[in-house]
PDB file of all heavy atoms in Angstrom:
ATOM      1  N   LYS A   1     -12.653 110.107-127.660  1.00  0.00           N
ATOM      2  CA  LYS A   1     -11.219 110.411-127.491  1.00  0.00           C
ATOM      3  C   LYS A   1     -10.927 110.939-126.090  1.00  0.00           C
ATOM      4  O   LYS A   1      -9.904 110.611-125.502  1.00  0.00           O
ATOM      5  CB  LYS A   1     -10.761 111.447-128.534  1.00  0.00           C
ATOM      6  CG  LYS A   1     -10.484 110.850-129.874  1.00  0.00           C
ATOM      7  CD  LYS A   1      -9.110 110.273-129.866  1.00  0.00           C
ATOM      8  CE  LYS A   1      -8.664 109.972-131.272  1.00  0.00           C
ATOM      9  NZ  LYS A   1      -7.601 108.991-131.278  1.00  0.00           N
ATOM     10  N   VAL A   2     -11.835 111.758-125.568  1.00  0.00           N
ATOM     11  CA  VAL A   2     -11.610 112.341-124.246  1.00  0.00           C
ATOM     12  C   VAL A   2     -11.633 111.248-123.172  1.00  0.00           C
ATOM     13  O   VAL A   2     -10.900 111.327-122.194  1.00  0.00           O
ATOM     14  CB  VAL A   2     -12.619 113.480-123.939  1.00  0.00           C
ATOM     15  CG1 VAL A   2     -14.041 112.967-123.784  1.00  0.00           C
ATOM     16  CG2 VAL A   2     -12.187 114.270-122.705  1.00  0.00           C
ATOM     17  N   TYR A   3     -12.440 110.230-123.356  1.00  0.00           N
ATOM     18  CA  TYR A   3     -12.459 109.106-122.420  1.00  0.00           C
ATOM     19  C   TYR A   3     -11.127 108.352-122.501  1.00  0.00           C
ATOM     20  O   TYR A   3     -10.529 108.023-121.473  1.00  0.00           O
ATOM     21  CB  TYR A   3     -13.633 108.172-122.721  1.00  0.00           C
ATOM     22  CG  TYR A   3     -13.646 106.942-121.849  1.00  0.00           C
ATOM     23  CD1 TYR A   3     -14.145 106.993-120.547  1.00  0.00           C
ATOM     24  CD2 TYR A   3     -13.149 105.730-122.321  1.00  0.00           C
ATOM     25  CE1 TYR A   3     -14.131 105.862-119.735  1.00  0.00           C
ATOM     26  CE2 TYR A   3     -13.142 104.603-121.515  1.00  0.00           C
ATOM     27  CZ  TYR A   3     -13.635 104.670-120.230  1.00  0.00           C
ATOM     28  OH  TYR A   3     -13.617 103.551-119.435  1.00  0.00           O
ATOM     29  N   GLU A   4     -10.668 108.082-123.712  1.00  0.00           N
ATOM     30  CA  GLU A   4      -9.386 107.395-123.891  1.00  0.00           C
ATOM     31  C   GLU A   4      -8.252 108.175-123.239  1.00  0.00           C
ATOM     32  O   GLU A   4      -7.408 107.609-122.537  1.00  0.00           O
ATOM     33  CB  GLU A   4      -9.084 107.193-125.375  1.00  0.00           C
ATOM     34  CG  GLU A   4      -9.971 106.191-126.065  1.00  0.00           C
ATOM     35  CD  GLU A   4      -9.696 106.106-127.567  1.00  0.00           C
ATOM     36  OE1 GLU A   4      -8.592 106.510-128.014  1.00  0.00           O
ATOM     37  OE2 GLU A   4     -10.587 105.640-128.286  1.00  0.00           O
ATOM     38  N   MET A   5      -8.235 109.488-123.465  1.00  0.00           N
ATOM     39  CA  MET A   5      -7.184 110.311-122.885  1.00  0.00           C
ATOM     40  C   MET A   5      -7.314 110.345-121.359  1.00  0.00           C
ATOM     41  O   MET A   5      -6.298 110.307-120.648  1.00  0.00           O
ATOM     42  CB  MET A   5      -7.229 111.726-123.444  1.00  0.00           C
ATOM     43  CG  MET A   5      -6.116 112.584-122.934  1.00  0.00           C
ATOM     44  SD  MET A   5      -5.812 113.981-123.975  1.00  0.00           S
ATOM     45  CE  MET A   5      -4.212 114.439-123.365  1.00  0.00           C
ATOM     46  N   GLY A   6      -8.545 110.385-120.869  1.00  0.00           N
ATOM     47  CA  GLY A   6      -8.772 110.357-119.430  1.00  0.00           C
ATOM     48  C   GLY A   6      -8.257 109.072-118.803  1.00  0.00           C
ATOM     49  O   GLY A   6      -7.658 109.085-117.726  1.00  0.00           O
ATOM     50  N   MET A   7      -8.463 107.948-119.491  1.00  0.00           N
ATOM     51  CA  MET A   7      -7.970 106.671-118.987  1.00  0.00           C
ATOM     52  C   MET A   7      -6.437 106.647-118.942  1.00  0.00           C
ATOM     53  O   MET A   7      -5.848 106.144-117.986  1.00  0.00           O
ATOM     54  CB  MET A   7      -8.500 105.512-119.842  1.00  0.00           C
ATOM     55  CG  MET A   7      -9.981 105.249-119.655  1.00  0.00           C
ATOM     56  SD  MET A   7     -10.419 104.754-117.971  1.00  0.00           S
ATOM     57  CE  MET A   7      -9.707 103.117-117.916  1.00  0.00           C
ATOM     58  N   GLU A   8      -5.802 107.210-119.946  1.00  0.00           N
ATOM     59  CA  GLU A   8      -4.340 107.300-119.946  1.00  0.00           C
ATOM     60  C   GLU A   8      -3.859 108.184-118.791  1.00  0.00           C
ATOM     61  O   GLU A   8      -2.881 107.869-118.114  1.00  0.00           O
ATOM     62  CB  GLU A   8      -3.840 107.862-121.281  1.00  0.00           C
ATOM     63  CG  GLU A   8      -4.000 106.912-122.442  1.00  0.00           C
ATOM     64  CD  GLU A   8      -3.661 107.550-123.787  1.00  0.00           C
ATOM     65  OE1 GLU A   8      -2.996 108.616-123.808  1.00  0.00           O
ATOM     66  OE2 GLU A   8      -4.080 106.981-124.807  1.00  0.00           O
ATOM     67  N   PHE A   9      -4.585 109.278-118.577  1.00  0.00           N
ATOM     68  CA  PHE A   9      -4.254 110.201-117.490  1.00  0.00           C
ATOM     69  C   PHE A   9      -4.371 109.496-116.134  1.00  0.00           C
ATOM     70  O   PHE A   9      -3.491 109.621-115.286  1.00  0.00           O
ATOM     71  CB  PHE A   9      -5.168 111.430-117.548  1.00  0.00           C
ATOM     72  CG  PHE A   9      -4.893 112.461-116.493  1.00  0.00           C
ATOM     73  CD1 PHE A   9      -3.752 113.242-116.533  1.00  0.00           C
ATOM     74  CD2 PHE A   9      -5.792 112.658-115.456  1.00  0.00           C
ATOM     75  CE1 PHE A   9      -3.493 114.193-115.561  1.00  0.00           C
ATOM     76  CE2 PHE A   9      -5.545 113.601-114.471  1.00  0.00           C
ATOM     77  CZ  PHE A   9      -4.400 114.375-114.522  1.00  0.00           C
ATOM     78  N   VAL A  10      -5.438 108.728-115.936  1.00  0.00           N
ATOM     79  CA  VAL A  10      -5.622 107.987-114.688  1.00  0.00           C
ATOM     80  C   VAL A  10      -4.424 107.055-114.462  1.00  0.00           C
ATOM     81  O   VAL A  10      -3.891 106.977-113.350  1.00  0.00           O
ATOM     82  CB  VAL A  10      -6.942 107.181-114.693  1.00  0.00           C
ATOM     83  CG1 VAL A  10      -6.992 106.193-113.537  1.00  0.00           C
ATOM     84  CG2 VAL A  10      -8.139 108.112-114.627  1.00  0.00           C
ATOM     85  N   GLY A  11      -3.996 106.370-115.498  1.00  0.00           N
ATOM     86  CA  GLY A  11      -2.838 105.483-115.378  1.00  0.00           C
ATOM     87  C   GLY A  11      -1.593 106.227-114.948  1.00  0.00           C
ATOM     88  O   GLY A  11      -0.837 105.749-114.085  1.00  0.00           O
ATOM     89  N   LYS A  12      -1.371 107.402-115.532  1.00  0.00           N
ATOM     90  CA  LYS A  12      -0.204 108.211-115.161  1.00  0.00           C
ATOM     91  C   LYS A  12      -0.295 108.664-113.708  1.00  0.00           C
ATOM     92  O   LYS A  12       0.702 108.647-112.977  1.00  0.00           O
ATOM     93  CB  LYS A  12      -0.091 109.431-116.073  1.00  0.00           C
ATOM     94  CG  LYS A  12       0.291 109.107-117.501  1.00  0.00           C
ATOM     95  CD  LYS A  12       0.289 110.373-118.351  1.00  0.00           C
ATOM     96  CE  LYS A  12       0.553 110.100-119.808  1.00  0.00           C
ATOM     97  NZ  LYS A  12       0.499 111.337-120.624  1.00  0.00           N
ATOM     98  N   ILE A  13      -1.492 109.077-113.301  1.00  0.00           N
ATOM     99  CA  ILE A  13      -1.695 109.548-111.925  1.00  0.00           C
ATOM    100  C   ILE A  13      -1.462 108.410-110.931  1.00  0.00           C
ATOM    101  O   ILE A  13      -0.814 108.587-109.903  1.00  0.00           O
ATOM    102  CB  ILE A  13      -3.105 110.161-111.749  1.00  0.00           C
ATOM    103  CG1 ILE A  13      -3.226 111.471-112.528  1.00  0.00           C
ATOM    104  CG2 ILE A  13      -3.452 110.356-110.272  1.00  0.00           C
ATOM    105  CD1 ILE A  13      -2.247 112.560-112.128  1.00  0.00           C
ATOM    106  N   PHE A  14      -1.981 107.230-111.242  1.00  0.00           N
ATOM    107  CA  PHE A  14      -1.762 106.088-110.347  1.00  0.00           C
ATOM    108  C   PHE A  14      -0.268 105.778-110.221  1.00  0.00           C
ATOM    109  O   PHE A  14       0.211 105.475-109.129  1.00  0.00           O
ATOM    110  CB  PHE A  14      -2.541 104.864-110.831  1.00  0.00           C
ATOM    111  CG  PHE A  14      -3.930 104.797-110.262  1.00  0.00           C
ATOM    112  CD1 PHE A  14      -4.866 105.794-110.514  1.00  0.00           C
ATOM    113  CD2 PHE A  14      -4.312 103.735-109.481  1.00  0.00           C
ATOM    114  CE1 PHE A  14      -6.148 105.736-109.984  1.00  0.00           C
ATOM    115  CE2 PHE A  14      -5.595 103.663-108.947  1.00  0.00           C
ATOM    116  CZ  PHE A  14      -6.505 104.661-109.195  1.00  0.00           C
ATOM    117  N   LYS A  15       0.440 105.867-111.320  1.00  0.00           N
ATOM    118  CA  LYS A  15       1.884 105.600-111.286  1.00  0.00           C
ATOM    119  C   LYS A  15       2.609 106.635-110.422  1.00  0.00           C
ATOM    120  O   LYS A  15       3.430 106.288-109.578  1.00  0.00           O
ATOM    121  CB  LYS A  15       2.454 105.601-112.702  1.00  0.00           C
ATOM    122  CG  LYS A  15       3.915 105.240-112.752  1.00  0.00           C
ATOM    123  CD  LYS A  15       4.437 105.173-114.167  1.00  0.00           C
ATOM    124  CE  LYS A  15       5.883 104.725-114.129  1.00  0.00           C
ATOM    125  NZ  LYS A  15       6.747 105.444-114.961  1.00  0.00           N
ATOM    126  N   VAL A  16       2.289 107.906-110.635  1.00  0.00           N
ATOM    127  CA  VAL A  16       2.932 108.993-109.883  1.00  0.00           C
ATOM    128  C   VAL A  16       2.605 108.888-108.399  1.00  0.00           C
ATOM    129  O   VAL A  16       3.496 109.024-107.555  1.00  0.00           O
ATOM    130  CB  VAL A  16       2.489 110.374-110.439  1.00  0.00           C
ATOM    131  CG1 VAL A  16       2.794 111.490-109.477  1.00  0.00           C
ATOM    132  CG2 VAL A  16       3.163 110.638-111.774  1.00  0.00           C
ATOM    133  N   THR A  17       1.351 108.650-108.066  1.00  0.00           N
ATOM    134  CA  THR A  17       0.971 108.635-106.649  1.00  0.00           C
ATOM    135  C   THR A  17       1.467 107.384-105.932  1.00  0.00           C
ATOM    136  O   THR A  17       1.667 107.407-104.720  1.00  0.00           O
ATOM    137  CB  THR A  17      -0.558 108.776-106.473  1.00  0.00           C
ATOM    138  OG1 THR A  17      -1.229 107.740-107.184  1.00  0.00           O
ATOM    139  CG2 THR A  17      -1.030 110.134-106.959  1.00  0.00           C
ATOM    140  N   LYS A  18       1.684 106.308-106.668  1.00  0.00           N
ATOM    141  CA  LYS A  18       2.221 105.081-106.065  1.00  0.00           C
ATOM    142  C   LYS A  18       3.642 105.318-105.560  1.00  0.00           C
ATOM    143  O   LYS A  18       4.081 104.691-104.594  1.00  0.00           O
ATOM    144  CB  LYS A  18       2.232 103.954-107.110  1.00  0.00           C
ATOM    145  CG  LYS A  18       2.522 102.588-106.522  1.00  0.00           C
ATOM    146  CD  LYS A  18       2.632 101.534-107.594  1.00  0.00           C
ATOM    147  CE  LYS A  18       1.303 101.307-108.277  1.00  0.00           C
ATOM    148  NZ  LYS A  18       1.352 100.195-109.251  1.00  0.00           N
ATOM    149  N   GLU A  19       4.343 106.251-106.185  1.00  0.00           N
ATOM    150  CA  GLU A  19       5.729 106.541-105.826  1.00  0.00           C
ATOM    151  C   GLU A  19       5.860 107.525-104.663  1.00  0.00           C
ATOM    152  O   GLU A  19       6.955 107.765-104.178  1.00  0.00           O
ATOM    153  CB  GLU A  19       6.475 107.067-107.054  1.00  0.00           C
ATOM    154  CG  GLU A  19       6.582 106.043-108.171  1.00  0.00           C
ATOM    155  CD  GLU A  19       7.076 106.613-109.491  1.00  0.00           C
ATOM    156  OE1 GLU A  19       7.362 107.829-109.556  1.00  0.00           O
ATOM    157  OE2 GLU A  19       7.160 105.832-110.446  1.00  0.00           O
ATOM    158  N   LEU A  20       4.738 108.086-104.218  1.00  0.00           N
ATOM    159  CA  LEU A  20       4.780 109.040-103.110  1.00  0.00           C
ATOM    160  C   LEU A  20       5.038 108.309-101.797  1.00  0.00           C
ATOM    161  O   LEU A  20       4.690 107.143-101.639  1.00  0.00           O
ATOM    162  CB  LEU A  20       3.454 109.793-103.000  1.00  0.00           C
ATOM    163  CG  LEU A  20       3.058 110.692-104.172  1.00  0.00           C
ATOM    164  CD1 LEU A  20       1.665 111.267-103.948  1.00  0.00           C
ATOM    165  CD2 LEU A  20       4.074 111.811-104.370  1.00  0.00           C
ATOM    166  N   THR A  21       5.613 109.029-100.842  1.00  0.00           N
ATOM    167  CA  THR A  21       5.794 108.450 -99.512  1.00  0.00           C
ATOM    168  C   THR A  21       4.422 108.237 -98.880  1.00  0.00           C
ATOM    169  O   THR A  21       3.427 108.852 -99.289  1.00  0.00           O
ATOM    170  CB  THR A  21       6.625 109.391 -98.615  1.00  0.00           C
ATOM    171  OG1 THR A  21       5.903 110.615 -98.446  1.00  0.00           O
ATOM    172  CG2 THR A  21       7.998 109.660 -99.193  1.00  0.00           C
ATOM    173  N   ALA A  22       4.365 107.397 -97.871  1.00  0.00           N
ATOM    174  CA  ALA A  22       3.092 107.055 -97.228  1.00  0.00           C
ATOM    175  C   ALA A  22       2.338 108.289 -96.756  1.00  0.00           C
ATOM    176  O   ALA A  22       1.112 108.368 -96.886  1.00  0.00           O
ATOM    177  CB  ALA A  22       3.336 106.099 -96.067  1.00  0.00           C
ATOM    178  N   THR A  23       3.044 109.272 -96.232  1.00  0.00           N
ATOM    179  CA  THR A  23       2.401 110.483 -95.734  1.00  0.00           C
ATOM    180  C   THR A  23       1.603 111.174 -96.835  1.00  0.00           C
ATOM    181  O   THR A  23       0.463 111.570 -96.621  1.00  0.00           O
ATOM    182  CB  THR A  23       3.461 111.474 -95.197  1.00  0.00           C
ATOM    183  OG1 THR A  23       4.219 110.817 -94.196  1.00  0.00           O
ATOM    184  CG2 THR A  23       2.815 112.718 -94.637  1.00  0.00           C
ATOM    185  N   TYR A  24       2.193 111.306 -98.002  1.00  0.00           N
ATOM    186  CA  TYR A  24       1.531 111.999 -99.107  1.00  0.00           C
ATOM    187  C   TYR A  24       0.595 111.083 -99.886  1.00  0.00           C
ATOM    188  O   TYR A  24      -0.363 111.537-100.487  1.00  0.00           O
ATOM    189  CB  TYR A  24       2.563 112.602-100.053  1.00  0.00           C
ATOM    190  CG  TYR A  24       3.306 113.759 -99.423  1.00  0.00           C
ATOM    191  CD1 TYR A  24       4.573 113.593 -98.892  1.00  0.00           C
ATOM    192  CD2 TYR A  24       2.723 115.012 -99.350  1.00  0.00           C
ATOM    193  CE1 TYR A  24       5.250 114.645 -98.309  1.00  0.00           C
ATOM    194  CE2 TYR A  24       3.386 116.079 -98.761  1.00  0.00           C
ATOM    195  CZ  TYR A  24       4.649 115.891 -98.237  1.00  0.00           C
ATOM    196  OH  TYR A  24       5.305 116.937 -97.656  1.00  0.00           O
ATOM    197  N   GLN A  25       0.876 109.778 -99.872  1.00  0.00           N
ATOM    198  CA  GLN A  25       0.067 108.837-100.630  1.00  0.00           C
ATOM    199  C   GLN A  25      -1.371 108.820-100.128  1.00  0.00           C
ATOM    200  O   GLN A  25      -2.298 108.675-100.906  1.00  0.00           O
ATOM    201  CB  GLN A  25       0.678 107.437-100.534  1.00  0.00           C
ATOM    202  CG  GLN A  25       0.529 106.661-101.809  1.00  0.00           C
ATOM    203  CD  GLN A  25       1.210 105.325-101.718  1.00  0.00           C
ATOM    204  OE1 GLN A  25       0.728 104.480-100.985  1.00  0.00           O
ATOM    205  NE2 GLN A  25       2.299 105.158-102.431  1.00  0.00           N
ATOM    206  N   PHE A  26      -1.556 108.957 -98.831  1.00  0.00           N
ATOM    207  CA  PHE A  26      -2.898 108.860 -98.265  1.00  0.00           C
ATOM    208  C   PHE A  26      -3.550 110.221 -98.060  1.00  0.00           C
ATOM    209  O   PHE A  26      -4.654 110.284 -97.553  1.00  0.00           O
ATOM    210  CB  PHE A  26      -2.864 108.065 -96.962  1.00  0.00           C
ATOM    211  CG  PHE A  26      -2.441 106.647 -97.204  1.00  0.00           C
ATOM    212  CD1 PHE A  26      -1.203 106.207 -96.785  1.00  0.00           C
ATOM    213  CD2 PHE A  26      -3.261 105.777 -97.893  1.00  0.00           C
ATOM    214  CE1 PHE A  26      -0.787 104.905 -97.024  1.00  0.00           C
ATOM    215  CE2 PHE A  26      -2.865 104.472 -98.146  1.00  0.00           C
ATOM    216  CZ  PHE A  26      -1.624 104.030 -97.707  1.00  0.00           C
TER     217      PHE A  26
END
């Protein structure tokens, strides 16, 4: 379950960080 939840978390993080401006994205 912790792996499944971790994978969901990674997806959320990728979505959030994709929306950051270039300065913060990198």
